Amino acid sequence: MKKGDNLIIGCSGAKHLIKAIAKKSKTNYCNLEIERFPDTELKIRLTKDVRSKNIYFVQSFYKSKNTDVNDKLIEVLFAAHTARELGAKKVFLISPYLVYLREDKRFKKGEAVSAKILANFCKVFDKVYVLEPHLHRFKSFKEFFPNAVKISLGDEAANYIKKKIKGEYRIVGPDIESKQWVKSIADKLNKKYSILEKQRFSSRKVKIKGEKILTYKAIIIDDIISTGHTLIEATKLIKAKEIYFIGMHGLFSENAVKKLNKKGSIIVSNSIPSKVSKIDCTNALAKIIK
């Protein structure tokens, strides 16, 4: 594909990223025009001609002041279908943070398996590029989401640690699911790591088991920091002068930042904007656009 054939369109969840992605990929961009009717319905408009172009929609799905994740999903789906109707050559989605992946099986009779339904909705896209997706029982997108591609932030996270955290440290994963990020980053830094064991009783109650960790500094790595309960429980097994919490995505519900700050320093990527978004994901995302 030729660069001149590409157009990046920033959706409401990508306003903090779109200029940097466009600049680094040397690609033209515009923002999606979004209005809301009095009954809260969304009105979507593409502001540039998309005919015969490869369209890259950028949308990060998080709750913000005026929209929630459901608004953001409808917004980008309507925009993608519109681009198809108006003659776009190909239509892609770049998602710094993608929702509806946690429900990947039917836990109770009658429940929706949202991960599979989302994959079906996203057939409108030629490819869906997802930064560090939250995969559990499905180990890869091939199992349920054939047009989706995982984008790693491992290099960016490892480079941040290398530049900003000096001295001896131990890298720790709070549960077995975190091992994929912990091992990758530890290998890049040539450091040892420990994986703890998590027993979950509810969304707000967990128990962490494993070896006691004695170290000068501890870096606890997970993919998503939401309420912070898992990370706080993990610190009960760690005796360190300094503790760092590193997450690929920072959702920070239920005053998580305030609670975690009492235990250590928080560092997440800017897939979702926050005051602790210090790992830049725009290089990884700009490489997608060719």
C-alpha atoms as a PDB file:
ATOM      1  CA  MET A   1       0.000   0.000   0.000  1.00  0.00           C
ATOM      2  CA  LYS A   2       1.206   3.502  -0.798  1.00  0.00           C
ATOM      3  CA  LYS A   3       1.341   6.099   1.988  1.00  0.00           C
ATOM      4  CA  GLY A   4      -0.749   8.490  -0.083  1.00  0.00           C
ATOM      5  CA  ASP A   5      -3.541   5.940  -0.180  1.00  0.00           C
ATOM      6  CA  ASN A   6      -3.827   5.928   3.620  1.00  0.00           C
ATOM      7  CA  LEU A   7      -5.947   8.081   5.910  1.00  0.00           C
ATOM      8  CA  ILE A   8      -6.064   7.890   9.702  1.00  0.00           C
ATOM      9  CA  ILE A   9      -9.364   8.858  11.350  1.00  0.00           C
ATOM     10  CA  GLY A  10      -9.292   9.617  15.057  1.00  0.00           C
ATOM     11  CA  CYS A  11     -12.359   8.627  17.067  1.00  0.00           C
ATOM     12  CA  SER A  12     -13.372  10.079  20.436  1.00  0.00           C
ATOM     13  CA  GLY A  13     -11.126   7.733  22.440  1.00  0.00           C
ATOM     14  CA  ALA A  14      -8.005   8.572  20.437  1.00  0.00           C
ATOM     15  CA  LYS A  15      -7.795  12.352  20.675  1.00  0.00           C
ATOM     16  CA  HIS A  16      -4.700  12.101  22.889  1.00  0.00           C
ATOM     17  CA  LEU A  17      -2.880   9.819  20.413  1.00  0.00           C
ATOM     18  CA  ILE A  18      -3.942  10.669  16.882  1.00  0.00           C
ATOM     19  CA  LYS A  19      -1.499  13.492  16.087  1.00  0.00           C
ATOM     20  CA  ALA A  20       1.525  11.510  17.271  1.00  0.00           C
ATOM     21  CA  ILE A  21       0.494   8.390  15.341  1.00  0.00           C
ATOM     22  CA  ALA A  22      -0.054  10.429  12.170  1.00  0.00           C
ATOM     23  CA  LYS A  23       3.269  12.233  12.531  1.00  0.00           C
ATOM     24  CA  LYS A  24       5.281   9.072  13.216  1.00  0.00           C
ATOM     25  CA  SER A  25       3.641   7.165  10.366  1.00  0.00           C
ATOM     26  CA  LYS A  26       3.821  10.200   8.035  1.00  0.00           C
ATOM     27  CA  THR A  27       0.149   9.793   7.219  1.00  0.00           C
ATOM     28  CA  ASN A  28      -2.673  12.283   6.752  1.00  0.00           C
ATOM     29  CA  TYR A  29      -5.339  12.277   9.439  1.00  0.00           C
ATOM     30  CA  CYS A  30      -8.633  13.823  10.455  1.00  0.00           C
ATOM     31  CA  ASN A  31     -10.998  13.475  13.384  1.00  0.00           C
ATOM     32  CA  LEU A  32     -14.389  11.843  13.246  1.00  0.00           C
ATOM     33  CA  GLU A  33     -17.209  14.353  13.638  1.00  0.00           C
ATOM     34  CA  ILE A  34     -19.541  13.248  16.419  1.00  0.00           C
ATOM     35  CA  GLU A  35     -22.736  14.887  17.581  1.00  0.00           C
ATOM     36  CA  ARG A  36     -25.467  13.710  19.917  1.00  0.00           C
ATOM     37  CA  PHE A  37     -29.197  14.082  19.414  1.00  0.00           C
ATOM     38  CA  PRO A  38     -31.344  15.171  22.393  1.00  0.00           C
ATOM     39  CA  ASP A  39     -32.378  11.532  22.967  1.00  0.00           C
ATOM     40  CA  THR A  40     -28.615  10.635  23.207  1.00  0.00           C
ATOM     41  CA  GLU A  41     -28.402   8.937  19.782  1.00  0.00           C
ATOM     42  CA  LEU A  42     -25.033   9.499  18.094  1.00  0.00           C
ATOM     43  CA  LYS A  43     -24.650  11.263  14.754  1.00  0.00           C
ATOM     44  CA  ILE A  44     -21.442  10.287  12.920  1.00  0.00           C
ATOM     45  CA  ARG A  45     -19.790  12.052   9.968  1.00  0.00           C
ATOM     46  CA  LEU A  46     -16.560  11.410   8.044  1.00  0.00           C
ATOM     47  CA  THR A  47     -14.995  14.796   7.335  1.00  0.00           C
ATOM     48  CA  LYS A  48     -12.655  13.750   4.484  1.00  0.00           C
ATOM     49  CA  ASP A  49     -13.165  11.820   1.257  1.00  0.00           C
ATOM     50  CA  VAL A  50     -12.454   8.122   1.873  1.00  0.00           C
ATOM     51  CA  ARG A  51     -13.038   6.826  -1.643  1.00  0.00           C
ATOM     52  CA  SER A  52     -10.286   4.430  -2.813  1.00  0.00           C
ATOM     53  CA  LYS A  53      -8.302   4.965   0.408  1.00  0.00           C
ATOM     54  CA  ASN A  54      -7.136   2.617   3.150  1.00  0.00           C
ATOM     55  CA  ILE A  55      -8.863   3.930   6.266  1.00  0.00           C
ATOM     56  CA  TYR A  56      -7.366   3.375   9.720  1.00  0.00           C
ATOM     57  CA  PHE A  57      -9.815   4.207  12.485  1.00  0.00           C
ATOM     58  CA  VAL A  58      -8.121   4.689  15.860  1.00  0.00           C
ATOM     59  CA  GLN A  59     -10.357   4.105  18.880  1.00  0.00           C
ATOM     60  CA  SER A  60      -9.493   3.365  22.490  1.00  0.00           C
ATOM     61  CA  PHE A  61     -12.498   2.080  24.432  1.00  0.00           C
ATOM     62  CA  TYR A  62     -12.636   3.637  27.890  1.00  0.00           C
ATOM     63  CA  LYS A  63     -15.127   5.651  29.917  1.00  0.00           C
ATOM     64  CA  SER A  64     -14.566   9.394  29.572  1.00  0.00           C
ATOM     65  CA  LYS A  65     -16.446  12.512  30.591  1.00  0.00           C
ATOM     66  CA  ASN A  66     -19.063  12.500  27.841  1.00  0.00           C
ATOM     67  CA  THR A  67     -18.996   8.918  26.511  1.00  0.00           C
ATOM     68  CA  ASP A  68     -18.790   5.379  27.799  1.00  0.00           C
ATOM     69  CA  VAL A  69     -17.349   2.281  26.128  1.00  0.00           C
ATOM     70  CA  ASN A  70     -20.672   1.436  24.465  1.00  0.00           C
ATOM     71  CA  ASP A  71     -20.852   4.866  22.804  1.00  0.00           C
ATOM     72  CA  LYS A  72     -17.319   4.388  21.531  1.00  0.00           C
ATOM     73  CA  LEU A  73     -18.158   0.987  20.078  1.00  0.00           C
ATOM     74  CA  ILE A  74     -21.264   2.213  18.231  1.00  0.00           C
ATOM     75  CA  GLU A  75     -19.332   5.251  17.042  1.00  0.00           C
ATOM     76  CA  VAL A  76     -16.537   3.294  15.327  1.00  0.00           C
ATOM     77  CA  LEU A  77     -18.871   0.611  13.916  1.00  0.00           C
ATOM     78  CA  PHE A  78     -21.117   3.249  12.318  1.00  0.00           C
ATOM     79  CA  ALA A  79     -18.041   5.046  10.973  1.00  0.00           C
ATOM     80  CA  ALA A  80     -16.578   1.844   9.514  1.00  0.00           C
ATOM     81  CA  HIS A  81     -19.805   0.900   7.737  1.00  0.00           C
ATOM     82  CA  THR A  82     -20.052   4.441   6.380  1.00  0.00           C
ATOM     83  CA  ALA A  83     -16.492   4.262   5.037  1.00  0.00           C
ATOM     84  CA  ARG A  84     -17.398   1.015   3.258  1.00  0.00           C
ATOM     85  CA  GLU A  85     -20.512   2.585   1.737  1.00  0.00           C
ATOM     86  CA  LEU A  86     -18.518   5.597   0.523  1.00  0.00           C
ATOM     87  CA  GLY A  87     -15.980   3.500  -1.369  1.00  0.00           C
ATOM     88  CA  ALA A  88     -13.022   2.998   0.980  1.00  0.00           C
ATOM     89  CA  LYS A  89     -10.523   0.498  -0.415  1.00  0.00           C
ATOM     90  CA  LYS A  90      -9.873  -1.150   2.965  1.00  0.00           C
ATOM     91  CA  VAL A  91     -11.034  -0.397   6.488  1.00  0.00           C
ATOM     92  CA  PHE A  92      -8.935  -1.094   9.580  1.00  0.00           C
ATOM     93  CA  LEU A  93      -9.332  -0.560  13.309  1.00  0.00           C
ATOM     94  CA  ILE A  94      -6.390   0.272  15.568  1.00  0.00           C
ATOM     95  CA  SER A  95      -7.458  -0.187  19.179  1.00  0.00           C
ATOM     96  CA  PRO A  96      -5.030   0.916  21.905  1.00  0.00           C
ATOM     97  CA  TYR A  97      -7.465  -0.595  24.414  1.00  0.00           C
ATOM     98  CA  LEU A  98     -10.241  -2.989  23.402  1.00  0.00           C
ATOM     99  CA  VAL A  99     -13.208  -3.928  25.603  1.00  0.00           C
ATOM    100  CA  TYR A 100     -15.573  -6.912  25.860  1.00  0.00           C
ATOM    101  CA  LEU A 101     -12.840  -9.578  25.885  1.00  0.00           C
ATOM    102  CA  ARG A 102     -13.186 -10.729  29.522  1.00  0.00           C
ATOM    103  CA  GLU A 103     -16.440 -12.644  28.934  1.00  0.00           C
ATOM    104  CA  ASP A 104     -14.929 -15.366  26.774  1.00  0.00           C
ATOM    105  CA  LYS A 105     -17.159 -18.237  27.920  1.00  0.00           C
ATOM    106  CA  ARG A 106     -20.684 -18.736  29.198  1.00  0.00           C
ATOM    107  CA  PHE A 107     -20.201 -18.872  32.970  1.00  0.00           C
ATOM    108  CA  LYS A 108     -23.926 -19.046  33.736  1.00  0.00           C
ATOM    109  CA  LYS A 109     -26.854 -20.252  31.661  1.00  0.00           C
ATOM    110  CA  GLY A 110     -28.130 -17.510  29.379  1.00  0.00           C
ATOM    111  CA  GLU A 111     -25.032 -15.275  29.560  1.00  0.00           C
ATOM    112  CA  ALA A 112     -23.714 -13.541  26.471  1.00  0.00           C
ATOM    113  CA  VAL A 113     -20.199 -14.535  25.370  1.00  0.00           C
ATOM    114  CA  SER A 114     -19.257 -10.935  24.592  1.00  0.00           C
ATOM    115  CA  ALA A 115     -15.806 -11.711  23.154  1.00  0.00           C
ATOM    116  CA  LYS A 116     -17.307 -13.791  20.338  1.00  0.00           C
ATOM    117  CA  ILE A 117     -20.094 -11.275  19.696  1.00  0.00           C
ATOM    118  CA  LEU A 118     -17.555  -8.452  19.482  1.00  0.00           C
ATOM    119  CA  ALA A 119     -15.540 -10.463  16.952  1.00  0.00           C
ATOM    120  CA  ASN A 120     -18.683 -10.848  14.859  1.00  0.00           C
ATOM    121  CA  PHE A 121     -19.397  -7.093  14.979  1.00  0.00           C
ATOM    122  CA  CYS A 122     -15.839  -6.398  13.838  1.00  0.00           C
ATOM    123  CA  LYS A 123     -16.132  -8.354  10.583  1.00  0.00           C
ATOM    124  CA  VAL A 124     -16.665  -4.956   8.955  1.00  0.00           C
ATOM    125  CA  PHE A 125     -12.902  -4.363   9.355  1.00  0.00           C
ATOM    126  CA  ASP A 126     -10.253  -5.965   7.163  1.00  0.00           C
ATOM    127  CA  LYS A 127      -7.993  -6.130  10.229  1.00  0.00           C
ATOM    128  CA  VAL A 128      -8.349  -5.149  13.880  1.00  0.00           C
ATOM    129  CA  TYR A 129      -5.046  -4.285  15.566  1.00  0.00           C
ATOM    130  CA  VAL A 130      -5.258  -4.566  19.348  1.00  0.00           C
ATOM    131  CA  LEU A 131      -2.614  -3.325  21.755  1.00  0.00           C
ATOM    132  CA  GLU A 132      -1.989  -5.914  24.505  1.00  0.00           C
ATOM    133  CA  PRO A 133      -5.434  -7.578  24.471  1.00  0.00           C
ATOM    134  CA  HIS A 134      -6.932  -9.074  27.636  1.00  0.00           C
ATOM    135  CA  LEU A 135      -6.994 -12.759  26.603  1.00  0.00           C
ATOM    136  CA  HIS A 136      -7.613 -15.547  29.122  1.00  0.00           C
ATOM    137  CA  ARG A 137      -9.306 -18.810  28.136  1.00  0.00           C
ATOM    138  CA  PHE A 138      -8.745 -17.960  24.479  1.00  0.00           C
ATOM    139  CA  LYS A 139      -4.958 -17.982  24.180  1.00  0.00           C
ATOM    140  CA  SER A 140      -4.888 -16.278  20.797  1.00  0.00           C
ATOM    141  CA  PHE A 141      -7.178 -14.335  18.496  1.00  0.00           C
ATOM    142  CA  LYS A 142      -7.130 -17.215  15.995  1.00  0.00           C
ATOM    143  CA  GLU A 143      -9.537 -19.130  18.216  1.00  0.00           C
ATOM    144  CA  PHE A 144     -12.416 -16.634  17.982  1.00  0.00           C
ATOM    145  CA  PHE A 145     -11.410 -13.380  16.251  1.00  0.00           C
ATOM    146  CA  PRO A 146      -9.727 -14.308  12.928  1.00  0.00           C
ATOM    147  CA  ASN A 147      -9.193 -10.778  11.618  1.00  0.00           C
ATOM    148  CA  ALA A 148      -7.611  -9.468  14.854  1.00  0.00           C
ATOM    149  CA  VAL A 149      -3.877  -9.014  15.420  1.00  0.00           C
ATOM    150  CA  LYS A 150      -2.128  -8.565  18.765  1.00  0.00           C
ATOM    151  CA  ILE A 151       0.298  -5.641  19.084  1.00  0.00           C
ATOM    152  CA  SER A 152       2.913  -5.912  21.839  1.00  0.00           C
ATOM    153  CA  LEU A 153       4.111  -3.117  24.107  1.00  0.00           C
ATOM    154  CA  GLY A 154       6.930  -5.221  25.564  1.00  0.00           C
ATOM    155  CA  ASP A 155       9.789  -3.265  23.988  1.00  0.00           C
ATOM    156  CA  GLU A 156       8.370   0.063  25.138  1.00  0.00           C
ATOM    157  CA  ALA A 157       7.812  -1.189  28.697  1.00  0.00           C
ATOM    158  CA  ALA A 158      11.291  -2.730  28.886  1.00  0.00           C
ATOM    159  CA  ASN A 159      12.912   0.442  27.555  1.00  0.00           C
ATOM    160  CA  TYR A 160      11.055   2.542  30.129  1.00  0.00           C
ATOM    161  CA  ILE A 161      12.256   0.324  32.973  1.00  0.00           C
ATOM    162  CA  LYS A 162      15.806   0.361  31.641  1.00  0.00           C
ATOM    163  CA  LYS A 163      15.899   4.156  31.497  1.00  0.00           C
ATOM    164  CA  LYS A 164      13.953   5.057  34.627  1.00  0.00           C
ATOM    165  CA  ILE A 165      14.484   2.347  37.245  1.00  0.00           C
ATOM    166  CA  LYS A 166      18.085   1.952  38.346  1.00  0.00           C
ATOM    167  CA  GLY A 167      19.777  -0.479  40.696  1.00  0.00           C
ATOM    168  CA  GLU A 168      18.815  -4.035  41.573  1.00  0.00           C
ATOM    169  CA  TYR A 169      15.186  -5.066  41.214  1.00  0.00           C
ATOM    170  CA  ARG A 170      12.982  -8.127  40.931  1.00  0.00           C
ATOM    171  CA  ILE A 171      10.193  -8.391  38.376  1.00  0.00           C
ATOM    172  CA  VAL A 172       7.012  -9.955  39.758  1.00  0.00           C
ATOM    173  CA  GLY A 173       3.781 -11.192  38.221  1.00  0.00           C
ATOM    174  CA  PRO A 174       0.753 -11.234  40.555  1.00  0.00           C
ATOM    175  CA  ASP A 175      -0.787 -14.322  38.881  1.00  0.00           C
ATOM    176  CA  ILE A 176      -0.157 -16.893  36.170  1.00  0.00           C
ATOM    177  CA  GLU A 177      -2.005 -14.795  33.570  1.00  0.00           C
ATOM    178  CA  SER A 178       0.562 -12.019  33.980  1.00  0.00           C
ATOM    179  CA  LYS A 179       3.432 -14.340  33.045  1.00  0.00           C
ATOM    180  CA  GLN A 180       3.175 -13.555  29.329  1.00  0.00           C
ATOM    181  CA  TRP A 181       4.076  -9.898  29.993  1.00  0.00           C
ATOM    182  CA  VAL A 182       6.448 -10.524  32.900  1.00  0.00           C
ATOM    183  CA  LYS A 183       8.549 -13.131  31.092  1.00  0.00           C
ATOM    184  CA  SER A 184       8.748 -11.114  27.880  1.00  0.00           C
ATOM    185  CA  ILE A 185       9.878  -7.946  29.655  1.00  0.00           C
ATOM    186  CA  ALA A 186      12.246  -9.793  32.032  1.00  0.00           C
ATOM    187  CA  ASP A 187      13.886 -11.573  29.085  1.00  0.00           C
ATOM    188  CA  LYS A 188      14.427  -8.280  27.275  1.00  0.00           C
ATOM    189  CA  LEU A 189      16.088  -6.859  30.418  1.00  0.00           C
ATOM    190  CA  ASN A 190      17.968 -10.093  31.224  1.00  0.00           C
ATOM    191  CA  LYS A 191      16.413 -10.138  34.709  1.00  0.00           C
ATOM    192  CA  LYS A 192      14.945 -12.863  36.908  1.00  0.00           C
ATOM    193  CA  TYR A 193      11.258 -12.887  37.676  1.00  0.00           C
ATOM    194  CA  SER A 194       8.749 -14.459  40.067  1.00  0.00           C
ATOM    195  CA  ILE A 195       5.132 -15.431  39.404  1.00  0.00           C
ATOM    196  CA  LEU A 196       2.680 -15.493  42.299  1.00  0.00           C
ATOM    197  CA  GLU A 197      -0.584 -17.415  42.507  1.00  0.00           C
ATOM    198  CA  LYS A 198      -3.978 -15.722  42.702  1.00  0.00           C
ATOM    199  CA  GLN A 199      -7.210 -17.133  44.097  1.00  0.00           C
ATOM    200  CA  ARG A 200     -10.205 -15.011  43.155  1.00  0.00           C
ATOM    201  CA  PHE A 201     -13.313 -14.974  45.352  1.00  0.00           C
ATOM    202  CA  SER A 202     -15.052 -12.038  43.648  1.00  0.00           C
ATOM    203  CA  SER A 203     -14.221  -9.024  41.465  1.00  0.00           C
ATOM    204  CA  ARG A 204     -13.088  -7.186  44.612  1.00  0.00           C
ATOM    205  CA  LYS A 205     -11.692  -9.987  46.752  1.00  0.00           C
ATOM    206  CA  VAL A 206      -8.565 -11.984  45.899  1.00  0.00           C
ATOM    207  CA  LYS A 207      -5.857 -13.831  47.789  1.00  0.00           C
ATOM    208  CA  ILE A 208      -2.261 -13.999  46.582  1.00  0.00           C
ATOM    209  CA  LYS A 209      -0.032 -16.927  47.508  1.00  0.00           C
ATOM    210  CA  GLY A 210       3.598 -17.733  46.748  1.00  0.00           C
ATOM    211  CA  GLU A 211       7.165 -17.258  47.904  1.00  0.00           C
ATOM    212  CA  LYS A 212       8.150 -14.286  50.038  1.00  0.00           C
ATOM    213  CA  ILE A 213      10.153 -11.877  47.901  1.00  0.00           C
ATOM    214  CA  LEU A 214      13.016  -9.917  49.445  1.00  0.00           C
ATOM    215  CA  THR A 215      14.539  -7.371  47.089  1.00  0.00           C
ATOM    216  CA  TYR A 216      15.823  -3.796  46.954  1.00  0.00           C
ATOM    217  CA  LYS A 217      13.186  -2.808  44.397  1.00  0.00           C
ATOM    218  CA  ALA A 218      10.171  -4.731  43.101  1.00  0.00           C
ATOM    219  CA  ILE A 219       8.419  -4.179  39.777  1.00  0.00           C
ATOM    220  CA  ILE A 220       4.943  -5.756  39.677  1.00  0.00           C
ATOM    221  CA  ILE A 221       3.688  -6.096  36.095  1.00  0.00           C
ATOM    222  CA  ASP A 222       0.139  -6.821  34.893  1.00  0.00           C
ATOM    223  CA  ASP A 223      -1.817  -6.128  31.737  1.00  0.00           C
ATOM    224  CA  ILE A 224      -4.678  -4.097  33.235  1.00  0.00           C
ATOM    225  CA  ILE A 225      -4.802  -2.090  36.446  1.00  0.00           C
ATOM    226  CA  SER A 226      -8.468  -1.695  37.360  1.00  0.00           C
ATOM    227  CA  THR A 227      -9.374  -1.594  41.062  1.00  0.00           C
ATOM    228  CA  GLY A 228      -5.794  -2.383  42.114  1.00  0.00           C
ATOM    229  CA  HIS A 229      -6.892  -5.131  44.548  1.00  0.00           C
ATOM    230  CA  THR A 230      -4.670  -7.796  42.978  1.00  0.00           C
ATOM    231  CA  LEU A 231      -1.563  -5.606  43.039  1.00  0.00           C
ATOM    232  CA  ILE A 232      -2.138  -4.495  46.620  1.00  0.00           C
ATOM    233  CA  GLU A 233      -2.533  -8.113  47.732  1.00  0.00           C
ATOM    234  CA  ALA A 234       0.701  -8.997  45.930  1.00  0.00           C
ATOM    235  CA  THR A 235       2.629  -6.413  47.962  1.00  0.00           C
ATOM    236  CA  LYS A 236       1.875  -8.433  51.122  1.00  0.00           C
ATOM    237  CA  LEU A 237       4.411 -11.011  49.915  1.00  0.00           C
ATOM    238  CA  ILE A 238       7.034  -8.446  48.929  1.00  0.00           C
ATOM    239  CA  LYS A 239       9.543  -6.751  51.204  1.00  0.00           C
ATOM    240  CA  ALA A 240      11.245  -4.018  49.203  1.00  0.00           C
ATOM    241  CA  LYS A 241      12.469  -0.481  49.695  1.00  0.00           C
ATOM    242  CA  GLU A 242      10.626   0.636  46.548  1.00  0.00           C
ATOM    243  CA  ILE A 243       7.694  -0.893  44.672  1.00  0.00           C
ATOM    244  CA  TYR A 244       6.601  -0.039  41.140  1.00  0.00           C
ATOM    245  CA  PHE A 245       3.273  -1.061  39.584  1.00  0.00           C
ATOM    246  CA  ILE A 246       3.452  -1.300  35.797  1.00  0.00           C
ATOM    247  CA  GLY A 247       0.351  -1.929  33.701  1.00  0.00           C
ATOM    248  CA  MET A 248      -0.189  -2.051  29.965  1.00  0.00           C
ATOM    249  CA  HIS A 249      -3.564  -0.314  30.484  1.00  0.00           C
ATOM    250  CA  GLY A 250      -4.753   1.845  33.383  1.00  0.00           C
ATOM    251  CA  LEU A 251      -8.517   1.770  33.973  1.00  0.00           C
ATOM    252  CA  PHE A 252      -8.252   2.955  37.607  1.00  0.00           C
ATOM    253  CA  SER A 253     -11.728   2.382  38.991  1.00  0.00           C
ATOM    254  CA  GLU A 254     -12.736   2.794  42.640  1.00  0.00           C
ATOM    255  CA  ASN A 255      -9.939   5.226  43.594  1.00  0.00           C
ATOM    256  CA  ALA A 256      -7.276   2.749  42.497  1.00  0.00           C
ATOM    257  CA  VAL A 257      -4.594   5.408  41.978  1.00  0.00           C
ATOM    258  CA  LYS A 258      -4.998   6.777  45.489  1.00  0.00           C
ATOM    259  CA  LYS A 259      -4.842   3.292  47.029  1.00  0.00           C
ATOM    260  CA  LEU A 260      -1.850   2.156  44.969  1.00  0.00           C
ATOM    261  CA  ASN A 261       0.100   5.371  45.595  1.00  0.00           C
ATOM    262  CA  LYS A 262       0.196   4.434  49.275  1.00  0.00           C
ATOM    263  CA  LYS A 263       2.157   1.310  48.335  1.00  0.00           C
ATOM    264  CA  GLY A 264       4.370   2.439  45.470  1.00  0.00           C
ATOM    265  CA  SER A 265       4.719   4.225  42.127  1.00  0.00           C
ATOM    266  CA  ILE A 266       2.263   3.610  39.274  1.00  0.00           C
ATOM    267  CA  ILE A 267       3.275   3.495  35.607  1.00  0.00           C
ATOM    268  CA  VAL A 268       0.971   2.636  32.700  1.00  0.00           C
ATOM    269  CA  SER A 269       0.884   3.208  28.964  1.00  0.00           C
ATOM    270  CA  ASN A 270      -1.018   6.055  27.347  1.00  0.00           C
ATOM    271  CA  SER A 271      -3.485   3.676  25.677  1.00  0.00           C
ATOM    272  CA  ILE A 272      -5.890   5.364  28.109  1.00  0.00           C
ATOM    273  CA  PRO A 273      -4.955   8.920  29.182  1.00  0.00           C
ATOM    274  CA  SER A 274      -4.082   9.486  32.851  1.00  0.00           C
ATOM    275  CA  LYS A 275      -1.595  11.343  35.034  1.00  0.00           C
ATOM    276  CA  VAL A 276       0.499   8.171  35.328  1.00  0.00           C
ATOM    277  CA  SER A 277       0.507   7.311  31.599  1.00  0.00           C
ATOM    278  CA  LYS A 278       4.270   7.321  31.044  1.00  0.00           C
ATOM    279  CA  ILE A 279       4.885   4.512  28.541  1.00  0.00           C
ATOM    280  CA  ASP A 280       4.227   5.826  25.035  1.00  0.00           C
ATOM    281  CA  CYS A 281       2.339   3.402  22.779  1.00  0.00           C
ATOM    282  CA  THR A 282       2.280   5.583  19.650  1.00  0.00           C
ATOM    283  CA  ASN A 283       5.471   4.135  18.121  1.00  0.00           C
ATOM    284  CA  ALA A 284       4.026   0.620  18.278  1.00  0.00           C
ATOM    285  CA  LEU A 285       0.754   1.819  16.736  1.00  0.00           C
ATOM    286  CA  ALA A 286       2.355   3.954  14.016  1.00  0.00           C
ATOM    287  CA  LYS A 287       4.279   0.897  12.724  1.00  0.00           C
ATOM    288  CA  ILE A 288       0.970  -0.715  11.764  1.00  0.00           C
ATOM    289  CA  ILE A 289       0.288   1.870   9.043  1.00  0.00           C
ATOM    290  CA  LYS A 290       2.213   0.919   5.910  1.00  0.00           C
END
